[in-house]
């Protein structure tokens, strides 16, 4: 798992759309940025293993594995299986969910569908949902220290764009010689 070491001694690993990452290393922070997408953070407190996924859509059809990773059910199963392979037990897993914002008014509520899917999946699989920061209209940045089960979520606040500086065009050069353009 490639990561960037920072001043605080923690290594940050970015989780992109359609990805799942699992870690049992105490100095690893799994990070992602969400709009209407949802990230589920799972943690087994006894095995001290956790992981995060980042899915784009609650459900859909795909024929290849890369495309399947965009959908909630596949992302959840990949996360559970990766944690089980590292020694976690399904019965001890705890979950937090983040994201699901409404990023564009007037469009289909993709964020709401993603949130509903996550809650339903966790209920059906009997995985305790111990926290969430979902909905609203702002993007979120999630940081998850998977091996210790600590999650932090911050809203990504739009800052004003810098003013556009319009520079006046220089005057055209004075005509020189006897060439005339038309």
N, C-alpha and C. Protein backbone atom coordinates (compact mmCIF):
# COMPACT_ATOMS: atom_id res chain seq x y z
N UNK A 1 0.85 -1.16 0.00
CA UNK A 1 0.00 0.00 0.00
C UNK A 1 0.90 1.23 0.00
N UNK A 2 0.87 1.99 -1.09
CA UNK A 2 1.72 3.17 -1.15
C UNK A 2 1.05 4.31 -0.41
N UNK A 3 1.86 5.06 0.30
CA UNK A 3 1.32 6.15 1.11
C UNK A 3 2.35 7.25 1.24
N UNK A 4 1.86 8.43 1.54
CA UNK A 4 2.73 9.57 1.76
C UNK A 4 2.85 9.82 3.26
N UNK A 5 4.08 9.86 3.76
CA UNK A 5 4.29 10.16 5.18
C UNK A 5 4.13 11.67 5.37
N UNK A 6 3.58 12.06 6.51
CA UNK A 6 3.34 13.47 6.77
C UNK A 6 4.01 13.89 8.07
N UNK A 7 3.90 15.18 8.39
CA UNK A 7 4.52 15.71 9.60
C UNK A 7 4.06 14.99 10.87
N UNK A 8 2.80 14.56 10.89
CA UNK A 8 2.28 13.91 12.09
C UNK A 8 2.70 12.45 12.21
N UNK A 9 3.50 11.97 11.26
CA UNK A 9 3.98 10.59 11.30
C UNK A 9 2.99 9.58 10.74
N UNK A 10 1.85 10.05 10.28
CA UNK A 10 0.86 9.15 9.70
C UNK A 10 1.04 9.07 8.19
N UNK A 11 0.74 7.92 7.66
CA UNK A 11 0.82 7.71 6.20
C UNK A 11 -0.59 7.76 5.64
N UNK A 12 -0.83 8.64 4.68
CA UNK A 12 -2.14 8.79 4.08
C UNK A 12 -2.22 8.05 2.75
N UNK A 13 -3.29 7.28 2.61
CA UNK A 13 -3.52 6.51 1.39
C UNK A 13 -4.86 6.98 0.81
N UNK A 14 -4.84 7.44 -0.42
CA UNK A 14 -6.05 7.93 -1.07
C UNK A 14 -6.85 6.75 -1.62
N UNK A 15 -8.14 6.78 -1.37
CA UNK A 15 -9.07 5.78 -1.90
C UNK A 15 -9.93 6.48 -2.94
N UNK A 16 -9.77 6.09 -4.19
CA UNK A 16 -10.49 6.73 -5.29
C UNK A 16 -11.86 6.09 -5.49
N UNK A 17 -12.65 6.71 -6.33
CA UNK A 17 -13.97 6.15 -6.66
C UNK A 17 -13.81 4.72 -7.15
N UNK A 18 -14.67 3.84 -6.62
CA UNK A 18 -14.65 2.45 -7.05
C UNK A 18 -13.57 1.62 -6.40
N UNK A 19 -12.85 2.16 -5.41
CA UNK A 19 -11.78 1.41 -4.75
C UNK A 19 -12.18 0.99 -3.35
N UNK A 20 -11.47 -0.02 -2.85
CA UNK A 20 -11.59 -0.50 -1.48
C UNK A 20 -10.19 -0.70 -0.95
N UNK A 21 -9.95 -0.25 0.28
CA UNK A 21 -8.65 -0.45 0.92
C UNK A 21 -8.88 -0.97 2.34
N UNK A 22 -8.00 -1.86 2.78
CA UNK A 22 -8.05 -2.44 4.13
C UNK A 22 -6.67 -2.30 4.74
N UNK A 23 -6.61 -2.04 6.05
CA UNK A 23 -5.31 -1.91 6.72
C UNK A 23 -5.40 -2.35 8.17
N UNK A 24 -4.27 -2.89 8.65
CA UNK A 24 -4.12 -3.20 10.07
C UNK A 24 -2.91 -2.43 10.63
N UNK A 25 -2.44 -1.44 9.89
CA UNK A 25 -1.29 -0.63 10.30
C UNK A 25 -1.78 0.63 11.01
N UNK A 26 -1.34 0.82 12.24
CA UNK A 26 -1.84 1.91 13.09
C UNK A 26 -1.50 3.30 12.56
N UNK A 27 -0.47 3.42 11.73
CA UNK A 27 -0.09 4.73 11.23
C UNK A 27 -0.66 5.06 9.86
N UNK A 28 -1.57 4.23 9.36
CA UNK A 28 -2.16 4.46 8.04
C UNK A 28 -3.53 5.13 8.18
N UNK A 29 -3.71 6.19 7.40
CA UNK A 29 -4.99 6.89 7.33
C UNK A 29 -5.50 6.74 5.90
N UNK A 30 -6.67 6.14 5.75
CA UNK A 30 -7.31 5.98 4.45
C UNK A 30 -8.18 7.21 4.21
N UNK A 31 -7.99 7.88 3.09
CA UNK A 31 -8.72 9.13 2.84
C UNK A 31 -9.46 9.09 1.51
N UNK A 32 -10.58 9.79 1.49
CA UNK A 32 -11.34 9.91 0.25
C UNK A 32 -12.16 11.18 0.30
N UNK A 33 -12.58 11.65 -0.87
CA UNK A 33 -13.45 12.82 -0.99
C UNK A 33 -14.73 12.36 -1.68
N UNK A 34 -15.87 12.76 -1.09
CA UNK A 34 -17.17 12.28 -1.55
C UNK A 34 -18.09 13.44 -1.91
N UNK A 35 -18.89 13.22 -2.92
CA UNK A 35 -20.02 14.10 -3.23
C UNK A 35 -21.27 13.28 -3.00
N UNK A 36 -21.90 12.83 -4.08
CA UNK A 36 -23.08 11.97 -3.95
C UNK A 36 -22.68 10.52 -3.67
N UNK A 37 -21.41 10.20 -3.83
CA UNK A 37 -20.91 8.86 -3.53
C UNK A 37 -20.99 8.61 -2.02
N UNK A 38 -20.90 7.34 -1.65
CA UNK A 38 -20.87 6.96 -0.24
C UNK A 38 -19.62 6.14 0.03
N UNK A 39 -19.04 6.35 1.19
CA UNK A 39 -17.94 5.52 1.67
C UNK A 39 -18.42 4.84 2.95
N UNK A 40 -18.15 3.55 3.03
CA UNK A 40 -18.44 2.80 4.25
C UNK A 40 -17.10 2.45 4.89
N UNK A 41 -16.98 2.75 6.18
CA UNK A 41 -15.79 2.43 6.95
C UNK A 41 -16.15 1.30 7.90
N UNK A 42 -15.49 0.15 7.78
CA UNK A 42 -15.73 -1.00 8.65
C UNK A 42 -14.53 -1.18 9.57
N UNK A 43 -14.79 -1.66 10.78
CA UNK A 43 -13.73 -1.86 11.77
C UNK A 43 -14.05 -3.07 12.63
N UNK A 44 -13.06 -3.91 12.86
CA UNK A 44 -13.15 -5.02 13.81
C UNK A 44 -12.24 -4.66 14.98
N UNK A 45 -12.82 -4.33 16.16
CA UNK A 45 -12.01 -3.86 17.28
C UNK A 45 -11.11 -4.92 17.90
N UNK A 46 -11.44 -6.19 17.76
CA UNK A 46 -10.60 -7.25 18.33
C UNK A 46 -9.40 -7.53 17.42
N UNK A 47 -9.65 -7.70 16.12
CA UNK A 47 -8.57 -7.96 15.16
C UNK A 47 -7.79 -6.68 14.84
N UNK A 48 -8.35 -5.53 15.15
CA UNK A 48 -7.76 -4.23 14.85
C UNK A 48 -7.45 -4.09 13.36
N UNK A 49 -8.50 -4.38 12.58
CA UNK A 49 -8.44 -4.28 11.13
C UNK A 49 -9.63 -3.45 10.68
N UNK A 50 -9.39 -2.58 9.74
CA UNK A 50 -10.49 -1.79 9.20
C UNK A 50 -10.30 -1.55 7.73
N UNK A 51 -11.33 -1.05 7.12
CA UNK A 51 -11.25 -0.75 5.70
C UNK A 51 -12.33 0.22 5.28
N UNK A 52 -12.16 0.72 4.08
CA UNK A 52 -13.09 1.70 3.52
C UNK A 52 -13.33 1.38 2.05
N UNK A 53 -14.56 1.64 1.61
CA UNK A 53 -14.85 1.56 0.18
C UNK A 53 -15.40 2.91 -0.25
N UNK A 54 -15.53 3.10 -1.55
CA UNK A 54 -16.04 4.35 -2.11
C UNK A 54 -16.83 3.96 -3.35
N UNK A 55 -18.17 3.96 -3.21
CA UNK A 55 -18.98 3.56 -4.36
C UNK A 55 -19.78 4.74 -4.91
N UNK A 56 -20.03 4.68 -6.21
CA UNK A 56 -20.67 5.78 -6.93
C UNK A 56 -22.18 5.64 -7.00
N UNK A 57 -22.66 4.42 -7.17
CA UNK A 57 -24.09 4.17 -7.37
C UNK A 57 -24.54 3.01 -6.50
N UNK A 58 -25.78 3.08 -6.04
CA UNK A 58 -26.32 2.02 -5.19
C UNK A 58 -26.38 0.70 -5.93
N UNK A 59 -26.87 0.73 -7.14
CA UNK A 59 -26.99 -0.52 -7.90
C UNK A 59 -26.86 -0.26 -9.38
N UNK A 60 -26.62 -1.33 -10.11
CA UNK A 60 -26.48 -1.25 -11.55
C UNK A 60 -25.94 -2.55 -12.09
N UNK A 61 -25.74 -2.59 -13.37
CA UNK A 61 -25.23 -3.79 -14.03
C UNK A 61 -23.90 -3.49 -14.70
N UNK A 62 -23.00 -4.42 -14.60
CA UNK A 62 -21.70 -4.30 -15.26
C UNK A 62 -21.20 -5.69 -15.57
N UNK A 63 -20.39 -5.79 -16.61
CA UNK A 63 -19.89 -7.10 -17.01
C UNK A 63 -18.43 -7.30 -16.61
N UNK A 64 -17.72 -6.23 -16.31
CA UNK A 64 -16.31 -6.37 -15.94
C UNK A 64 -16.10 -5.92 -14.50
N UNK A 65 -15.09 -6.47 -13.87
CA UNK A 65 -14.83 -6.20 -12.45
C UNK A 65 -14.58 -4.73 -12.17
N UNK A 66 -13.85 -4.06 -13.03
CA UNK A 66 -13.54 -2.64 -12.81
C UNK A 66 -14.83 -1.81 -12.74
N UNK A 67 -15.79 -2.10 -13.60
CA UNK A 67 -17.06 -1.37 -13.59
C UNK A 67 -17.93 -1.77 -12.40
N UNK A 68 -17.86 -3.02 -11.99
CA UNK A 68 -18.67 -3.50 -10.86
C UNK A 68 -18.30 -2.79 -9.57
N UNK A 69 -17.05 -2.35 -9.45
CA UNK A 69 -16.60 -1.70 -8.23
C UNK A 69 -17.30 -0.37 -7.98
N UNK A 70 -17.99 0.15 -8.98
CA UNK A 70 -18.72 1.41 -8.81
C UNK A 70 -20.02 1.23 -8.03
N UNK A 71 -20.48 0.00 -7.89
CA UNK A 71 -21.80 -0.27 -7.30
C UNK A 71 -21.70 -0.73 -5.86
N UNK A 72 -22.67 -0.29 -5.06
CA UNK A 72 -22.68 -0.53 -3.63
C UNK A 72 -22.55 -1.97 -3.20
N UNK A 73 -23.36 -2.86 -3.75
CA UNK A 73 -23.34 -4.25 -3.27
C UNK A 73 -21.98 -4.89 -3.51
N UNK A 74 -21.39 -4.62 -4.64
CA UNK A 74 -20.08 -5.18 -4.94
C UNK A 74 -19.02 -4.58 -4.00
N UNK A 75 -19.07 -3.25 -3.82
CA UNK A 75 -18.10 -2.58 -2.96
C UNK A 75 -18.18 -3.10 -1.52
N UNK A 76 -19.39 -3.33 -1.03
CA UNK A 76 -19.56 -3.83 0.34
C UNK A 76 -19.01 -5.25 0.47
N UNK A 77 -19.31 -6.09 -0.49
CA UNK A 77 -18.82 -7.47 -0.43
C UNK A 77 -17.30 -7.54 -0.53
N UNK A 78 -16.72 -6.71 -1.39
CA UNK A 78 -15.26 -6.68 -1.51
C UNK A 78 -14.64 -6.25 -0.18
N UNK A 79 -15.22 -5.25 0.48
CA UNK A 79 -14.69 -4.77 1.75
C UNK A 79 -14.80 -5.87 2.82
N UNK A 80 -15.94 -6.49 2.94
CA UNK A 80 -16.12 -7.55 3.93
C UNK A 80 -15.14 -8.69 3.68
N UNK A 81 -15.04 -9.14 2.45
CA UNK A 81 -14.15 -10.27 2.13
C UNK A 81 -12.69 -9.93 2.36
N UNK A 82 -12.28 -8.69 2.05
CA UNK A 82 -10.89 -8.30 2.28
C UNK A 82 -10.57 -8.28 3.78
N UNK A 83 -11.53 -7.85 4.58
CA UNK A 83 -11.31 -7.84 6.03
C UNK A 83 -11.29 -9.26 6.59
N UNK A 84 -12.19 -10.12 6.12
CA UNK A 84 -12.19 -11.51 6.57
C UNK A 84 -10.87 -12.20 6.23
N UNK A 85 -10.34 -11.91 5.05
CA UNK A 85 -9.08 -12.51 4.63
C UNK A 85 -7.91 -12.08 5.52
N UNK A 86 -8.04 -10.94 6.20
CA UNK A 86 -6.97 -10.43 7.08
C UNK A 86 -7.21 -10.78 8.54
N UNK A 87 -8.28 -11.55 8.83
CA UNK A 87 -8.50 -12.01 10.20
C UNK A 87 -9.66 -11.38 10.94
N UNK A 88 -10.42 -10.51 10.30
CA UNK A 88 -11.59 -9.92 10.95
C UNK A 88 -12.72 -10.95 11.01
N UNK A 89 -13.66 -10.73 11.91
CA UNK A 89 -14.85 -11.58 12.02
C UNK A 89 -16.07 -10.72 11.70
N UNK A 90 -16.94 -11.23 10.86
CA UNK A 90 -18.14 -10.49 10.47
C UNK A 90 -18.97 -10.08 11.69
N UNK A 91 -19.07 -10.94 12.68
CA UNK A 91 -19.89 -10.67 13.86
C UNK A 91 -19.37 -9.50 14.70
N UNK A 92 -18.10 -9.15 14.53
CA UNK A 92 -17.52 -8.05 15.31
C UNK A 92 -17.44 -6.74 14.53
N UNK A 93 -17.77 -6.77 13.26
CA UNK A 93 -17.63 -5.58 12.42
C UNK A 93 -18.61 -4.50 12.82
N UNK A 94 -18.10 -3.27 12.81
CA UNK A 94 -18.88 -2.07 13.06
C UNK A 94 -18.69 -1.17 11.84
N UNK A 95 -19.71 -0.38 11.53
CA UNK A 95 -19.64 0.45 10.32
C UNK A 95 -20.03 1.89 10.59
N UNK A 96 -19.42 2.76 9.81
CA UNK A 96 -19.81 4.18 9.72
C UNK A 96 -19.97 4.47 8.23
N UNK A 97 -20.93 5.31 7.90
CA UNK A 97 -21.10 5.69 6.49
C UNK A 97 -21.04 7.20 6.36
N UNK A 98 -20.54 7.63 5.20
CA UNK A 98 -20.33 9.04 4.92
C UNK A 98 -20.71 9.35 3.48
N UNK A 99 -21.11 10.58 3.24
CA UNK A 99 -21.36 11.03 1.87
C UNK A 99 -22.84 11.10 1.53
N UNK A 100 -23.14 10.87 0.26
CA UNK A 100 -24.52 10.87 -0.20
C UNK A 100 -25.13 12.26 -0.32
N UNK A 101 -24.33 13.25 -0.61
CA UNK A 101 -24.84 14.62 -0.74
C UNK A 101 -25.63 14.79 -2.04
N UNK A 102 -26.51 15.76 -2.04
CA UNK A 102 -27.21 16.17 -3.25
C UNK A 102 -26.36 17.29 -3.85
N UNK A 103 -25.64 16.95 -4.88
CA UNK A 103 -24.67 17.89 -5.44
C UNK A 103 -25.28 18.81 -6.51
N UNK A 104 -26.36 18.39 -7.14
CA UNK A 104 -27.00 19.19 -8.19
C UNK A 104 -28.51 19.16 -7.99
N UNK A 105 -29.08 20.30 -7.73
CA UNK A 105 -30.53 20.38 -7.57
C UNK A 105 -31.21 20.04 -8.89
N UNK A 106 -32.33 19.36 -8.80
CA UNK A 106 -33.09 19.04 -10.00
C UNK A 106 -32.72 17.74 -10.67
N UNK A 107 -31.65 17.10 -10.24
CA UNK A 107 -31.27 15.81 -10.80
C UNK A 107 -31.79 14.69 -9.90
N UNK A 108 -31.72 13.48 -10.40
CA UNK A 108 -32.11 12.31 -9.61
C UNK A 108 -31.29 12.28 -8.33
N UNK A 109 -31.90 11.86 -7.23
CA UNK A 109 -31.24 11.87 -5.92
C UNK A 109 -30.31 10.66 -5.77
N UNK A 110 -29.17 10.71 -6.42
CA UNK A 110 -28.20 9.61 -6.37
C UNK A 110 -27.68 9.44 -4.95
N UNK A 111 -27.38 10.54 -4.27
CA UNK A 111 -26.86 10.48 -2.90
C UNK A 111 -27.84 9.80 -1.97
N UNK A 112 -29.12 10.16 -2.06
CA UNK A 112 -30.15 9.55 -1.22
C UNK A 112 -30.27 8.06 -1.46
N UNK A 113 -30.19 7.64 -2.73
CA UNK A 113 -30.25 6.21 -3.06
C UNK A 113 -29.03 5.48 -2.49
N UNK A 114 -27.86 6.12 -2.55
CA UNK A 114 -26.64 5.50 -2.00
C UNK A 114 -26.74 5.33 -0.49
N UNK A 115 -27.29 6.33 0.20
CA UNK A 115 -27.45 6.25 1.66
C UNK A 115 -28.44 5.14 2.01
N UNK A 116 -29.58 5.11 1.33
CA UNK A 116 -30.60 4.09 1.61
C UNK A 116 -30.04 2.69 1.39
N UNK A 117 -29.24 2.53 0.32
CA UNK A 117 -28.64 1.22 0.06
C UNK A 117 -27.72 0.82 1.22
N UNK A 118 -26.84 1.72 1.65
CA UNK A 118 -25.88 1.40 2.71
C UNK A 118 -26.60 0.98 3.99
N UNK A 119 -27.60 1.76 4.39
CA UNK A 119 -28.35 1.42 5.61
C UNK A 119 -29.03 0.07 5.49
N UNK A 120 -29.65 -0.17 4.35
CA UNK A 120 -30.35 -1.44 4.12
C UNK A 120 -29.38 -2.61 4.13
N UNK A 121 -28.26 -2.45 3.44
CA UNK A 121 -27.25 -3.52 3.38
C UNK A 121 -26.76 -3.87 4.78
N UNK A 122 -26.41 -2.87 5.56
CA UNK A 122 -25.89 -3.12 6.91
C UNK A 122 -26.93 -3.78 7.80
N UNK A 123 -28.17 -3.34 7.68
CA UNK A 123 -29.25 -3.96 8.46
C UNK A 123 -29.42 -5.43 8.06
N UNK A 124 -29.47 -5.69 6.75
CA UNK A 124 -29.66 -7.06 6.26
C UNK A 124 -28.50 -7.98 6.64
N UNK A 125 -27.29 -7.43 6.67
CA UNK A 125 -26.10 -8.23 6.99
C UNK A 125 -25.80 -8.24 8.48
N UNK A 126 -26.61 -7.56 9.26
CA UNK A 126 -26.45 -7.48 10.72
C UNK A 126 -25.07 -6.93 11.13
N UNK A 127 -24.67 -5.90 10.41
CA UNK A 127 -23.44 -5.18 10.76
C UNK A 127 -23.89 -3.87 11.41
N UNK A 128 -23.43 -3.63 12.63
CA UNK A 128 -23.88 -2.45 13.39
C UNK A 128 -23.43 -1.16 12.72
N UNK A 129 -24.38 -0.26 12.51
CA UNK A 129 -24.09 1.08 12.02
C UNK A 129 -23.93 1.97 13.25
N UNK A 130 -22.68 2.35 13.54
CA UNK A 130 -22.38 3.09 14.78
C UNK A 130 -22.21 4.59 14.56
N UNK A 131 -22.26 5.04 13.32
CA UNK A 131 -22.13 6.46 13.06
C UNK A 131 -22.31 6.77 11.59
N UNK A 132 -22.75 7.98 11.33
CA UNK A 132 -22.90 8.41 9.94
C UNK A 132 -22.86 9.93 9.86
N UNK A 133 -22.43 10.42 8.71
CA UNK A 133 -22.50 11.82 8.36
C UNK A 133 -22.87 11.81 6.89
N UNK A 134 -24.19 11.90 6.61
CA UNK A 134 -24.70 11.70 5.26
C UNK A 134 -25.69 12.79 4.88
N UNK A 135 -25.96 12.87 3.57
CA UNK A 135 -26.95 13.80 3.05
C UNK A 135 -26.41 15.21 2.90
N UNK A 136 -27.32 16.16 2.88
CA UNK A 136 -26.92 17.56 2.74
C UNK A 136 -26.55 17.90 1.31
N UNK A 137 -25.83 19.00 1.17
CA UNK A 137 -25.48 19.49 -0.17
C UNK A 137 -23.99 19.74 -0.36
N UNK A 138 -23.18 19.38 0.63
CA UNK A 138 -21.75 19.65 0.51
C UNK A 138 -20.94 18.37 0.38
N UNK A 139 -19.86 18.48 -0.36
CA UNK A 139 -18.91 17.37 -0.47
C UNK A 139 -18.25 17.18 0.89
N UNK A 140 -17.66 16.01 1.09
CA UNK A 140 -17.00 15.67 2.35
C UNK A 140 -15.62 15.06 2.09
N UNK A 141 -14.73 15.31 3.04
CA UNK A 141 -13.42 14.64 3.06
C UNK A 141 -13.44 13.72 4.27
N UNK A 142 -13.18 12.44 4.03
CA UNK A 142 -13.18 11.43 5.10
C UNK A 142 -11.76 10.95 5.32
N UNK A 143 -11.36 10.86 6.58
CA UNK A 143 -10.08 10.27 6.97
C UNK A 143 -10.39 9.16 7.96
N UNK A 144 -9.87 7.96 7.69
CA UNK A 144 -10.18 6.80 8.51
C UNK A 144 -8.90 6.08 8.91
N UNK A 145 -8.62 6.08 10.22
CA UNK A 145 -7.50 5.29 10.74
C UNK A 145 -8.04 3.91 11.00
N UNK A 146 -7.95 3.08 9.99
CA UNK A 146 -8.63 1.79 9.95
C UNK A 146 -8.25 0.86 11.10
N UNK A 147 -6.99 0.78 11.45
CA UNK A 147 -6.54 -0.17 12.47
C UNK A 147 -6.99 0.20 13.87
N UNK A 148 -7.37 1.45 14.08
CA UNK A 148 -7.84 1.87 15.40
C UNK A 148 -9.32 2.28 15.37
N UNK A 149 -9.93 2.29 14.20
CA UNK A 149 -11.36 2.56 14.08
C UNK A 149 -11.77 4.00 14.23
N UNK A 150 -10.84 4.93 14.06
CA UNK A 150 -11.16 6.35 14.20
C UNK A 150 -11.46 6.97 12.84
N UNK A 151 -12.59 7.67 12.75
CA UNK A 151 -12.96 8.32 11.50
C UNK A 151 -13.21 9.79 11.75
N UNK A 152 -12.84 10.61 10.77
CA UNK A 152 -13.11 12.04 10.83
C UNK A 152 -13.68 12.44 9.48
N UNK A 153 -14.72 13.26 9.52
CA UNK A 153 -15.36 13.71 8.30
C UNK A 153 -15.50 15.22 8.38
N UNK A 154 -15.07 15.90 7.32
CA UNK A 154 -15.19 17.35 7.26
C UNK A 154 -15.88 17.75 5.97
N UNK A 155 -16.72 18.76 6.06
CA UNK A 155 -17.34 19.29 4.85
C UNK A 155 -16.31 20.03 4.04
N UNK A 156 -16.40 19.90 2.75
CA UNK A 156 -15.53 20.64 1.85
C UNK A 156 -16.28 21.91 1.50
N UNK A 157 -15.81 23.02 2.02
CA UNK A 157 -16.48 24.30 1.84
C UNK A 157 -15.95 24.95 0.57
N UNK A 158 -16.89 25.38 -0.25
CA UNK A 158 -16.49 26.10 -1.46
C UNK A 158 -15.91 27.44 -1.04
N UNK A 159 -14.77 27.76 -1.59
CA UNK A 159 -14.21 29.08 -1.33
C UNK A 159 -14.44 29.92 -2.58
N UNK A 160 -14.51 31.19 -2.39
CA UNK A 160 -14.76 32.08 -3.53
C UNK A 160 -13.61 31.95 -4.52
N UNK A 161 -13.97 31.90 -5.77
CA UNK A 161 -12.95 31.84 -6.82
C UNK A 161 -12.21 33.16 -6.85
N UNK A 162 -10.92 33.12 -7.13
CA UNK A 162 -10.18 34.38 -7.22
C UNK A 162 -10.75 35.23 -8.35
N UNK A 163 -10.70 36.54 -8.18
CA UNK A 163 -11.25 37.40 -9.24
C UNK A 163 -10.48 37.21 -10.54
N UNK A 164 -11.20 37.36 -11.63
CA UNK A 164 -10.58 37.26 -12.94
C UNK A 164 -9.96 38.60 -13.28
N UNK A 165 -8.71 38.58 -13.61
CA UNK A 165 -8.00 39.81 -13.94
C UNK A 165 -8.00 39.94 -15.45
N UNK A 166 -8.59 41.02 -15.92
CA UNK A 166 -8.64 41.26 -17.36
C UNK A 166 -7.60 42.31 -17.67
N UNK A 167 -6.68 41.93 -18.48
CA UNK A 167 -5.63 42.87 -18.87
C UNK A 167 -6.02 43.51 -20.21
N UNK A 168 -5.84 44.78 -20.27
CA UNK A 168 -6.16 45.49 -21.51
C UNK A 168 -5.16 45.08 -22.58
N UNK A 169 -5.68 44.92 -23.78
CA UNK A 169 -4.81 44.57 -24.90
C UNK A 169 -3.98 45.78 -25.27
N UNK A 170 -2.72 45.56 -25.64
CA UNK A 170 -1.91 46.70 -26.06
C UNK A 170 -2.47 47.26 -27.37
N UNK A 171 -2.30 48.55 -27.60
CA UNK A 171 -2.82 49.13 -28.85
C UNK A 171 -2.09 48.50 -30.04
N UNK A 172 -2.77 48.43 -31.17
CA UNK A 172 -2.10 47.85 -32.35
C UNK A 172 -0.91 48.70 -32.75
N UNK A 173 0.10 48.07 -33.32
CA UNK A 173 1.28 48.83 -33.71
C UNK A 173 0.93 49.85 -34.80
N UNK A 174 1.67 50.94 -34.79
CA UNK A 174 1.46 52.00 -35.82
C UNK A 174 1.89 51.45 -37.16
N UNK A 175 1.21 51.90 -38.19
CA UNK A 175 1.53 51.44 -39.55
C UNK A 175 2.92 51.96 -39.93
N UNK A 176 3.71 51.06 -40.48
CA UNK A 176 5.06 51.41 -40.87
C UNK A 176 5.22 50.95 -42.32
N UNK A 177 5.79 51.77 -43.14
CA UNK A 177 6.03 51.37 -44.53
C UNK A 177 4.77 51.55 -45.36
N UNK A 178 4.79 50.99 -46.56
CA UNK A 178 3.67 51.19 -47.46
C UNK A 178 2.89 49.91 -47.71
N UNK A 179 2.86 48.98 -46.73
CA UNK A 179 2.04 47.77 -46.86
C UNK A 179 0.70 48.06 -46.21
N UNK A 180 -0.34 47.76 -46.94
CA UNK A 180 -1.67 48.01 -46.39
C UNK A 180 -2.40 46.68 -46.24
N UNK A 181 -3.00 46.47 -45.06
CA UNK A 181 -3.74 45.24 -44.80
C UNK A 181 -5.23 45.55 -44.85
N UNK A 182 -5.98 44.67 -45.46
CA UNK A 182 -7.45 44.84 -45.46
C UNK A 182 -8.14 43.53 -45.43
